[in-house]
Protein backbone atom coordinates (compact mmCIF):
# COMPACT_ATOMS: atom_id res chain seq x y z
CA UNK A 1 69.43 -6.06 28.80
CA UNK A 2 67.37 -6.94 32.12
CA UNK A 3 66.21 -4.66 34.23
CA UNK A 4 67.43 -5.48 37.91
CA UNK A 5 64.85 -7.22 40.46
CA UNK A 6 63.47 -9.60 37.78
CA UNK A 7 64.93 -12.88 38.64
CA UNK A 8 66.31 -15.46 35.83
CA UNK A 9 63.94 -17.74 34.55
CA UNK A 10 63.65 -20.70 36.87
CA UNK A 11 62.48 -24.02 34.53
CA UNK A 12 62.54 -26.45 37.77
CA UNK A 13 59.61 -29.17 38.54
CA UNK A 14 58.55 -28.61 35.83
CA UNK A 15 57.27 -31.36 33.21
CA UNK A 16 59.55 -32.44 30.36
CA UNK A 17 59.24 -31.36 26.60
CA UNK A 18 58.80 -35.28 25.84
CA UNK A 19 56.09 -35.19 27.65
CA UNK A 20 54.01 -33.19 24.37
CA UNK A 21 52.04 -36.42 23.95
CA UNK A 22 49.43 -35.64 26.52
CA UNK A 23 49.46 -32.14 24.98
CA UNK A 24 48.50 -34.13 22.44
CA UNK A 25 46.02 -36.68 23.27
CA UNK A 26 44.18 -34.09 25.30
CA UNK A 27 43.94 -32.12 21.51
CA UNK A 28 42.63 -35.85 19.91
CA UNK A 29 40.26 -36.33 22.26
CA UNK A 30 38.56 -32.50 22.93
CA UNK A 31 37.94 -32.98 19.25
CA UNK A 32 36.46 -36.44 19.91
CA UNK A 33 34.16 -35.26 22.39
CA UNK A 34 32.75 -32.39 20.27
CA UNK A 35 32.40 -33.62 17.12
CA UNK A 36 30.57 -37.07 18.63
CA UNK A 37 28.66 -35.52 21.52
CA UNK A 38 28.32 -31.53 20.58
CA UNK A 39 27.83 -31.91 16.32
CA UNK A 40 24.68 -30.74 14.57
CA UNK A 41 22.62 -33.57 16.53
CA UNK A 42 23.01 -33.16 19.97
CA UNK A 43 20.81 -34.92 23.69
CA UNK A 44 20.77 -33.62 26.93
CA UNK A 45 22.64 -36.80 27.55
CA UNK A 46 26.18 -35.81 25.20
CA UNK A 47 25.42 -32.43 26.28
CA UNK A 48 25.77 -32.94 29.64
CA UNK A 49 28.64 -35.97 28.99
CA UNK A 50 30.72 -33.37 27.14
CA UNK A 51 30.39 -31.03 29.89
CA UNK A 52 31.83 -33.33 31.67
CA UNK A 53 34.60 -34.50 29.84
CA UNK A 54 35.02 -31.21 28.44
CA UNK A 55 36.31 -30.08 32.30
CA UNK A 56 37.78 -32.94 33.65
CA UNK A 57 40.39 -31.87 29.94
CA UNK A 58 40.21 -28.09 31.96
CA UNK A 59 41.31 -30.13 34.84
CA UNK A 60 44.18 -32.26 33.65
CA UNK A 61 45.08 -29.51 30.92
CA UNK A 62 45.39 -26.40 33.44
CA UNK A 63 47.70 -29.52 35.97
CA UNK A 64 49.88 -29.89 32.88
CA UNK A 65 50.25 -26.28 32.33
CA UNK A 66 51.24 -25.58 36.38
CA UNK A 67 53.72 -28.17 35.96
CA UNK A 68 55.07 -27.79 32.85
CA UNK A 69 57.53 -25.12 30.81
CA UNK A 70 54.78 -23.25 28.55
CA UNK A 71 54.46 -24.00 24.50
CA UNK A 72 52.29 -22.56 21.61
CA UNK A 73 50.98 -25.78 21.53
CA UNK A 74 50.21 -25.93 25.24
CA UNK A 75 48.50 -22.42 25.68
CA UNK A 76 46.90 -23.30 22.21
CA UNK A 77 45.17 -26.25 23.40
CA UNK A 78 44.40 -23.94 27.01
CA UNK A 79 42.29 -21.52 24.17
CA UNK A 80 40.66 -24.09 22.29
CA UNK A 81 39.18 -26.04 26.05
CA UNK A 82 37.60 -22.51 27.00
CA UNK A 83 35.88 -22.33 23.35
CA UNK A 84 34.87 -25.89 23.75
CA UNK A 85 33.25 -24.99 27.28
CA UNK A 86 31.70 -21.96 25.78
CA UNK A 87 29.96 -24.08 23.02
CA UNK A 88 28.66 -27.05 25.02
CA UNK A 89 27.39 -23.80 27.87
CA UNK A 90 25.06 -22.57 25.21
CA UNK A 91 23.98 -25.43 23.76
CA UNK A 92 23.04 -26.84 27.35
CA UNK A 93 21.10 -23.04 27.90
CA UNK A 94 18.99 -23.73 23.98
CA UNK A 95 16.01 -25.64 24.73
CA UNK A 96 14.45 -26.21 20.97
CA UNK A 97 15.73 -27.79 17.80
CA UNK A 98 17.09 -24.40 15.69
CA UNK A 99 18.75 -23.87 11.57
CA UNK A 100 21.86 -26.66 11.69
CA UNK A 101 21.32 -27.74 15.02
CA UNK A 102 19.08 -30.78 16.13
CA UNK A 103 18.96 -31.81 19.43
CA UNK A 104 16.70 -35.40 20.15
CA UNK A 105 15.52 -34.43 23.37
CA UNK A 106 13.63 -30.95 22.26
CA UNK A 107 12.89 -31.16 18.43
CA UNK A 108 11.03 -28.23 18.03
CA UNK A 109 12.05 -24.37 17.55
CA UNK A 110 10.50 -22.38 20.19
CA UNK A 111 9.96 -18.70 19.00
CA UNK A 112 10.30 -17.94 22.90
CA UNK A 113 14.36 -18.90 22.49
CA UNK A 114 14.44 -16.89 18.98
CA UNK A 115 17.14 -14.51 19.79
CA UNK A 116 21.20 -15.30 20.85
CA UNK A 117 22.30 -17.22 22.96
CA UNK A 118 24.34 -15.29 25.39
CA UNK A 119 26.61 -18.05 27.47
């Protein structure tokens, strides 16, 4: 039973379920951005582009989220974008190559940077 005072769900004005292609496209694009720009070999330019693309994907997805019915795919995409943002932010903060990741603009490890990066 639904307690008194809780309004019925009103899905008017939300996107149709057949707009799932938008979720699929943004998910694929996010994967490409992360693979191509934030992979093992990085550069300041690639990370800057990844940050811009991730921001645009965030804005598009949030707009779609506000105007559509909630789905597990949409929630998953929002979470993926949040994680991508944190990875890119952390990578841009680290001005060195360390471990598996090689940064073209900062090829040498720096002892002063030998610590966890908190984004």
